[in-house]
Amino acid sequence: MILKYCGQLVMNNNRKQTLGLFPLTSHVLPGGRMQLRVYEPRYLRLVRDSLRAQQGFGLCMLNPNGSKEENKHIYPVGTLVRIIDFESLQDGCLGITIEGNQLFDIESIRTESDGLRIGEVQLRQPINGVHESEQDRELRSRLQEVFESYPEFAHLYPHKQLDDPLWVYHRWLEILPLQPDTKQDLLKDNYSQSVRVFLQELFEQNQ
């Protein structure tokens, strides 16, 4: 049975925050959702603290070529996420569903005694006012086809925002098999236009 967590993410007006970091090979961007199986003690503590404080945590991309000792194995652009569902799994692990809220840039990382990484981060201002172009309609249509082909994926999004071009861009960046350094390059400040061009050119090449 899934227990619903209905708490709202507490946002601080100060754009600098201290967040526990959860590095993964996959990633979630603002508006995205993902189910995670949590079993390591450090990440169980991260989830517990996040639920208690209702402040979320940082989901980050793993850099396969970075040094763990120097915390260079975590790419600098991450996403502040909140836990929207959680359940106890049959194998004793904790299952959580997270939702992306806001991008951030990591300024520094420290490692705690149990191995949990803590980041000092700068939250980004959300990008607003992205207007749909004719090419965006093709991206939207193709994403709708993905939802229709993969019901489990579609189930994560009961309220799909397909009329929001940026929401559509984010979902494509999550599901396309891109190298993490490519995603990091695409997520530079005010990235909506560069991502739009990248996606349109990518689909044109594969027609």
C-alpha atoms as a PDB file:
ATOM      1  CA  MET A   1       0.000   0.000   0.000  1.00  0.00           C
ATOM      2  CA  ILE A   2       1.385   3.399  -0.978  1.00  0.00           C
ATOM      3  CA  LEU A   3       1.287   6.072   1.672  1.00  0.00           C
ATOM      4  CA  LYS A   4       0.589   9.480   0.225  1.00  0.00           C
ATOM      5  CA  TYR A   5       2.889  12.291   1.277  1.00  0.00           C
ATOM      6  CA  CYS A   6       1.021  15.534   0.795  1.00  0.00           C
ATOM      7  CA  GLY A   7       3.477  17.976   2.358  1.00  0.00           C
ATOM      8  CA  GLN A   8       4.516  20.985   0.309  1.00  0.00           C
ATOM      9  CA  LEU A   9       8.154  21.674  -0.434  1.00  0.00           C
ATOM     10  CA  VAL A  10       9.316  24.471   1.826  1.00  0.00           C
ATOM     11  CA  MET A  11      11.080  27.084  -0.286  1.00  0.00           C
ATOM     12  CA  ASN A  12      13.524  29.590   1.144  1.00  0.00           C
ATOM     13  CA  ASN A  13      13.684  33.041  -0.421  1.00  0.00           C
ATOM     14  CA  ASN A  14      17.463  32.756  -0.162  1.00  0.00           C
ATOM     15  CA  ARG A  15      18.617  31.119  -3.384  1.00  0.00           C
ATOM     16  CA  LYS A  16      21.614  29.572  -1.597  1.00  0.00           C
ATOM     17  CA  GLN A  17      20.755  26.358   0.222  1.00  0.00           C
ATOM     18  CA  THR A  18      22.400  23.345   1.812  1.00  0.00           C
ATOM     19  CA  LEU A  19      21.068  20.075   0.393  1.00  0.00           C
ATOM     20  CA  GLY A  20      21.752  16.383   0.795  1.00  0.00           C
ATOM     21  CA  LEU A  21      22.745  14.971  -2.597  1.00  0.00           C
ATOM     22  CA  PHE A  22      21.538  11.771  -4.255  1.00  0.00           C
ATOM     23  CA  PRO A  23      23.691  11.001  -7.339  1.00  0.00           C
ATOM     24  CA  LEU A  24      22.291   8.741 -10.082  1.00  0.00           C
ATOM     25  CA  THR A  25      23.101   7.736 -13.638  1.00  0.00           C
ATOM     26  CA  SER A  26      19.596   8.886 -14.656  1.00  0.00           C
ATOM     27  CA  HIS A  27      18.117  12.252 -13.787  1.00  0.00           C
ATOM     28  CA  VAL A  28      14.950  14.253 -13.205  1.00  0.00           C
ATOM     29  CA  LEU A  29      14.418  17.838 -14.333  1.00  0.00           C
ATOM     30  CA  PRO A  30      11.760  20.327 -13.157  1.00  0.00           C
ATOM     31  CA  GLY A  31       8.311  18.792 -13.587  1.00  0.00           C
ATOM     32  CA  GLY A  32       9.716  15.279 -13.980  1.00  0.00           C
ATOM     33  CA  ARG A  33       8.955  12.246 -11.835  1.00  0.00           C
ATOM     34  CA  MET A  34      10.885   9.107 -10.957  1.00  0.00           C
ATOM     35  CA  GLN A  35      10.485   6.091  -8.705  1.00  0.00           C
ATOM     36  CA  LEU A  36      13.502   5.136  -6.588  1.00  0.00           C
ATOM     37  CA  ARG A  37      14.367   2.101  -4.475  1.00  0.00           C
ATOM     38  CA  VAL A  38      16.327   3.255  -1.440  1.00  0.00           C
ATOM     39  CA  TYR A  39      18.331   0.846   0.723  1.00  0.00           C
ATOM     40  CA  GLU A  40      21.696   2.397   1.638  1.00  0.00           C
ATOM     41  CA  PRO A  41      21.691   3.813   5.193  1.00  0.00           C
ATOM     42  CA  ARG A  42      23.003   7.215   4.090  1.00  0.00           C
ATOM     43  CA  TYR A  43      20.177   7.662   1.592  1.00  0.00           C
ATOM     44  CA  LEU A  44      17.579   6.333   4.011  1.00  0.00           C
ATOM     45  CA  ARG A  45      18.748   9.087   6.352  1.00  0.00           C
ATOM     46  CA  LEU A  46      18.518  11.590   3.513  1.00  0.00           C
ATOM     47  CA  VAL A  47      14.917  10.569   2.797  1.00  0.00           C
ATOM     48  CA  ARG A  48      13.978  10.605   6.495  1.00  0.00           C
ATOM     49  CA  ASP A  49      15.451  14.070   6.995  1.00  0.00           C
ATOM     50  CA  SER A  50      13.786  15.322   3.822  1.00  0.00           C
ATOM     51  CA  LEU A  51      10.357  14.115   4.926  1.00  0.00           C
ATOM     52  CA  ARG A  52      10.808  15.528   8.399  1.00  0.00           C
ATOM     53  CA  ALA A  53      11.902  18.986   7.248  1.00  0.00           C
ATOM     54  CA  GLN A  54       9.804  19.049   4.037  1.00  0.00           C
ATOM     55  CA  GLN A  55      12.738  20.668   2.262  1.00  0.00           C
ATOM     56  CA  GLY A  56      13.512  18.123  -0.440  1.00  0.00           C
ATOM     57  CA  PHE A  57      16.980  17.010  -1.523  1.00  0.00           C
ATOM     58  CA  GLY A  58      19.259  17.315  -4.520  1.00  0.00           C
ATOM     59  CA  LEU A  59      19.205  14.767  -7.332  1.00  0.00           C
ATOM     60  CA  CYS A  60      22.460  14.867  -9.308  1.00  0.00           C
ATOM     61  CA  MET A  61      24.040  13.235 -12.343  1.00  0.00           C
ATOM     62  CA  LEU A  62      27.034  10.934 -11.883  1.00  0.00           C
ATOM     63  CA  ASN A  63      30.255  11.789 -13.701  1.00  0.00           C
ATOM     64  CA  PRO A  64      31.889   8.407 -14.506  1.00  0.00           C
ATOM     65  CA  ASN A  65      35.277  10.075 -14.982  1.00  0.00           C
ATOM     66  CA  GLY A  66      35.271  12.157 -11.793  1.00  0.00           C
ATOM     67  CA  SER A  67      37.152  11.403  -8.570  1.00  0.00           C
ATOM     68  CA  LYS A  68      34.967  10.283  -5.642  1.00  0.00           C
ATOM     69  CA  GLU A  69      37.648  11.312  -3.164  1.00  0.00           C
ATOM     70  CA  GLU A  70      37.472  14.886  -4.471  1.00  0.00           C
ATOM     71  CA  ASN A  71      33.684  14.741  -5.031  1.00  0.00           C
ATOM     72  CA  LYS A  72      34.236  15.346  -8.726  1.00  0.00           C
ATOM     73  CA  HIS A  73      32.026  12.355  -9.561  1.00  0.00           C
ATOM     74  CA  ILE A  74      28.952  14.578  -9.235  1.00  0.00           C
ATOM     75  CA  TYR A  75      28.138  16.992 -12.055  1.00  0.00           C
ATOM     76  CA  PRO A  76      27.471  20.608 -11.000  1.00  0.00           C
ATOM     77  CA  VAL A  77      23.898  21.011 -12.317  1.00  0.00           C
ATOM     78  CA  GLY A  78      21.279  19.210 -10.225  1.00  0.00           C
ATOM     79  CA  THR A  79      17.584  19.338  -9.403  1.00  0.00           C
ATOM     80  CA  LEU A  80      15.869  20.087  -6.117  1.00  0.00           C
ATOM     81  CA  VAL A  81      13.270  17.314  -5.762  1.00  0.00           C
ATOM     82  CA  ARG A  82      10.496  16.541  -3.304  1.00  0.00           C
ATOM     83  CA  ILE A  83       9.057  13.202  -2.240  1.00  0.00           C
ATOM     84  CA  ILE A  84       5.434  12.822  -3.314  1.00  0.00           C
ATOM     85  CA  ASP A  85       4.870   9.109  -2.511  1.00  0.00           C
ATOM     86  CA  PHE A  86       6.616   6.491  -0.401  1.00  0.00           C
ATOM     87  CA  GLU A  87       6.034   2.849   0.503  1.00  0.00           C
ATOM     88  CA  SER A  88       7.726  -0.073   2.235  1.00  0.00           C
ATOM     89  CA  LEU A  89       8.735  -2.681  -0.356  1.00  0.00           C
ATOM     90  CA  GLN A  90       8.522  -6.458   0.138  1.00  0.00           C
ATOM     91  CA  ASP A  91      12.323  -6.788   0.137  1.00  0.00           C
ATOM     92  CA  GLY A  92      12.579  -4.389   3.073  1.00  0.00           C
ATOM     93  CA  CYS A  93      13.730  -1.418   0.987  1.00  0.00           C
ATOM     94  CA  LEU A  94      11.971   1.924   0.801  1.00  0.00           C
ATOM     95  CA  GLY A  95      10.255   2.933  -2.422  1.00  0.00           C
ATOM     96  CA  ILE A  96       9.808   6.634  -3.101  1.00  0.00           C
ATOM     97  CA  THR A  97       8.449   8.714  -5.955  1.00  0.00           C
ATOM     98  CA  ILE A  98      10.135  12.068  -6.448  1.00  0.00           C
ATOM     99  CA  GLU A  99       9.179  15.143  -8.459  1.00  0.00           C
ATOM    100  CA  GLY A 100      11.638  17.698  -9.835  1.00  0.00           C
ATOM    101  CA  ASN A 101      11.106  21.246  -8.616  1.00  0.00           C
ATOM    102  CA  GLN A 102      14.012  23.572  -9.439  1.00  0.00           C
ATOM    103  CA  LEU A 103      17.485  23.432 -10.985  1.00  0.00           C
ATOM    104  CA  PHE A 104      20.549  24.382  -8.986  1.00  0.00           C
ATOM    105  CA  ASP A 105      24.303  24.784  -9.433  1.00  0.00           C
ATOM    106  CA  ILE A 106      26.607  23.139  -6.891  1.00  0.00           C
ATOM    107  CA  GLU A 107      29.197  25.473  -5.407  1.00  0.00           C
ATOM    108  CA  SER A 108      30.875  23.006  -3.020  1.00  0.00           C
ATOM    109  CA  ILE A 109      30.437  19.477  -1.637  1.00  0.00           C
ATOM    110  CA  ARG A 110      31.428  17.942   1.681  1.00  0.00           C
ATOM    111  CA  THR A 111      31.236  14.284   2.720  1.00  0.00           C
ATOM    112  CA  GLU A 112      29.693  13.288   6.047  1.00  0.00           C
ATOM    113  CA  SER A 113      30.838  10.336   8.183  1.00  0.00           C
ATOM    114  CA  ASP A 114      28.319   7.903   6.651  1.00  0.00           C
ATOM    115  CA  GLY A 115      29.285   8.874   3.089  1.00  0.00           C
ATOM    116  CA  LEU A 116      26.345  11.168   2.391  1.00  0.00           C
ATOM    117  CA  ARG A 117      27.349  14.142   0.246  1.00  0.00           C
ATOM    118  CA  ILE A 118      26.107  17.564   1.288  1.00  0.00           C
ATOM    119  CA  GLY A 119      26.113  20.356  -1.280  1.00  0.00           C
ATOM    120  CA  GLU A 120      26.134  24.111  -0.949  1.00  0.00           C
ATOM    121  CA  VAL A 121      24.014  25.063  -3.953  1.00  0.00           C
ATOM    122  CA  GLN A 122      22.692  28.101  -5.764  1.00  0.00           C
ATOM    123  CA  LEU A 123      19.057  27.680  -6.812  1.00  0.00           C
ATOM    124  CA  ARG A 124      18.222  28.924 -10.292  1.00  0.00           C
ATOM    125  CA  GLN A 125      15.330  31.172 -11.140  1.00  0.00           C
ATOM    126  CA  PRO A 126      12.686  29.254 -13.138  1.00  0.00           C
ATOM    127  CA  ILE A 127      12.519  29.894 -16.879  1.00  0.00           C
ATOM    128  CA  ASN A 128       9.184  31.448 -17.845  1.00  0.00           C
ATOM    129  CA  GLY A 129       7.467  32.573 -21.013  1.00  0.00           C
ATOM    130  CA  VAL A 130       8.577  29.864 -23.464  1.00  0.00           C
ATOM    131  CA  HIS A 131       6.154  30.077 -26.398  1.00  0.00           C
ATOM    132  CA  GLU A 132       5.346  27.055 -28.521  1.00  0.00           C
ATOM    133  CA  SER A 133       6.708  27.068 -32.075  1.00  0.00           C
ATOM    134  CA  GLU A 134       5.529  24.960 -34.997  1.00  0.00           C
ATOM    135  CA  GLN A 135       8.475  22.606 -34.450  1.00  0.00           C
ATOM    136  CA  ASP A 136       7.535  22.287 -30.773  1.00  0.00           C
ATOM    137  CA  ARG A 137       4.211  20.786 -31.819  1.00  0.00           C
ATOM    138  CA  GLU A 138       6.096  17.897 -33.414  1.00  0.00           C
ATOM    139  CA  LEU A 139       8.053  17.338 -30.180  1.00  0.00           C
ATOM    140  CA  ARG A 140       4.790  17.404 -28.233  1.00  0.00           C
ATOM    141  CA  SER A 141       3.128  14.922 -30.600  1.00  0.00           C
ATOM    142  CA  ARG A 142       6.030  12.501 -30.384  1.00  0.00           C
ATOM    143  CA  LEU A 143       6.116  12.705 -26.609  1.00  0.00           C
ATOM    144  CA  GLN A 144       2.404  11.889 -26.530  1.00  0.00           C
ATOM    145  CA  GLU A 145       3.220   8.770 -28.581  1.00  0.00           C
ATOM    146  CA  VAL A 146       5.796   7.774 -25.954  1.00  0.00           C
ATOM    147  CA  PHE A 147       3.180   8.107 -23.206  1.00  0.00           C
ATOM    148  CA  GLU A 148       0.747   5.966 -25.207  1.00  0.00           C
ATOM    149  CA  SER A 149       3.393   3.288 -25.814  1.00  0.00           C
ATOM    150  CA  TYR A 150       4.586   3.105 -22.197  1.00  0.00           C
ATOM    151  CA  PRO A 151       1.607   3.136 -19.772  1.00  0.00           C
ATOM    152  CA  GLU A 152       3.836   2.811 -16.676  1.00  0.00           C
ATOM    153  CA  PHE A 153       5.660   5.977 -17.695  1.00  0.00           C
ATOM    154  CA  ALA A 154       2.387   7.752 -18.443  1.00  0.00           C
ATOM    155  CA  HIS A 155       1.022   6.705 -15.028  1.00  0.00           C
ATOM    156  CA  LEU A 156       3.665   8.883 -13.352  1.00  0.00           C
ATOM    157  CA  TYR A 157       2.048  11.948 -14.953  1.00  0.00           C
ATOM    158  CA  PRO A 158      -1.686  12.118 -14.235  1.00  0.00           C
ATOM    159  CA  HIS A 159      -1.615  15.797 -15.281  1.00  0.00           C
ATOM    160  CA  LYS A 160       0.613  16.042 -18.345  1.00  0.00           C
ATOM    161  CA  GLN A 161       1.621  19.586 -19.282  1.00  0.00           C
ATOM    162  CA  LEU A 162       2.002  18.965 -22.994  1.00  0.00           C
ATOM    163  CA  ASP A 163       1.004  22.542 -23.814  1.00  0.00           C
ATOM    164  CA  ASP A 164       4.135  23.802 -22.005  1.00  0.00           C
ATOM    165  CA  PRO A 165       7.148  23.606 -24.377  1.00  0.00           C
ATOM    166  CA  LEU A 166       9.685  23.666 -21.531  1.00  0.00           C
ATOM    167  CA  TRP A 167       7.920  20.756 -19.802  1.00  0.00           C
ATOM    168  CA  VAL A 168       8.136  18.825 -23.078  1.00  0.00           C
ATOM    169  CA  TYR A 169      11.854  19.662 -23.484  1.00  0.00           C
ATOM    170  CA  HIS A 170      12.554  18.435 -19.962  1.00  0.00           C
ATOM    171  CA  ARG A 171      10.846  15.098 -20.542  1.00  0.00           C
ATOM    172  CA  TRP A 172      12.839  14.542 -23.738  1.00  0.00           C
ATOM    173  CA  LEU A 173      16.135  15.334 -21.993  1.00  0.00           C
ATOM    174  CA  GLU A 174      15.225  12.783 -19.316  1.00  0.00           C
ATOM    175  CA  ILE A 175      14.290   9.911 -21.621  1.00  0.00           C
ATOM    176  CA  LEU A 176      16.752  10.328 -24.497  1.00  0.00           C
ATOM    177  CA  PRO A 177      19.957   8.227 -24.150  1.00  0.00           C
ATOM    178  CA  LEU A 178      22.270  11.240 -24.019  1.00  0.00           C
ATOM    179  CA  GLN A 179      25.672  11.318 -22.370  1.00  0.00           C
ATOM    180  CA  PRO A 180      25.528  13.141 -19.011  1.00  0.00           C
ATOM    181  CA  ASP A 181      28.098  15.724 -20.120  1.00  0.00           C
ATOM    182  CA  THR A 182      25.839  16.521 -23.100  1.00  0.00           C
ATOM    183  CA  LYS A 183      22.891  17.098 -20.756  1.00  0.00           C
ATOM    184  CA  GLN A 184      25.030  19.268 -18.509  1.00  0.00           C
ATOM    185  CA  ASP A 185      26.133  21.395 -21.469  1.00  0.00           C
ATOM    186  CA  LEU A 186      22.528  21.783 -22.591  1.00  0.00           C
ATOM    187  CA  LEU A 187      21.388  22.909 -19.132  1.00  0.00           C
ATOM    188  CA  LYS A 188      23.383  26.121 -19.022  1.00  0.00           C
ATOM    189  CA  ASP A 189      21.576  29.279 -17.890  1.00  0.00           C
ATOM    190  CA  ASN A 190      18.613  30.337 -20.066  1.00  0.00           C
ATOM    191  CA  TYR A 191      18.841  27.067 -21.967  1.00  0.00           C
ATOM    192  CA  SER A 192      15.352  26.847 -23.490  1.00  0.00           C
ATOM    193  CA  GLN A 193      16.344  28.000 -26.985  1.00  0.00           C
ATOM    194  CA  SER A 194      19.504  25.864 -27.178  1.00  0.00           C
ATOM    195  CA  VAL A 195      17.582  22.770 -26.046  1.00  0.00           C
ATOM    196  CA  ARG A 196      14.803  23.493 -28.550  1.00  0.00           C
ATOM    197  CA  VAL A 197      17.328  23.673 -31.412  1.00  0.00           C
ATOM    198  CA  PHE A 198      19.152  20.549 -30.215  1.00  0.00           C
ATOM    199  CA  LEU A 199      15.969  18.467 -30.030  1.00  0.00           C
ATOM    200  CA  GLN A 200      14.632  19.690 -33.366  1.00  0.00           C
ATOM    201  CA  GLU A 201      17.921  18.937 -35.131  1.00  0.00           C
ATOM    202  CA  LEU A 202      18.117  15.528 -33.460  1.00  0.00           C
ATOM    203  CA  PHE A 203      14.662  14.512 -34.652  1.00  0.00           C
ATOM    204  CA  GLU A 204      15.289  15.890 -38.148  1.00  0.00           C
ATOM    205  CA  GLN A 205      18.376  13.682 -38.425  1.00  0.00           C
ATOM    206  CA  ASN A 206      16.364  10.602 -37.475  1.00  0.00           C
ATOM    207  CA  GLN A 207      13.412  11.116 -39.799  1.00  0.00           C
END
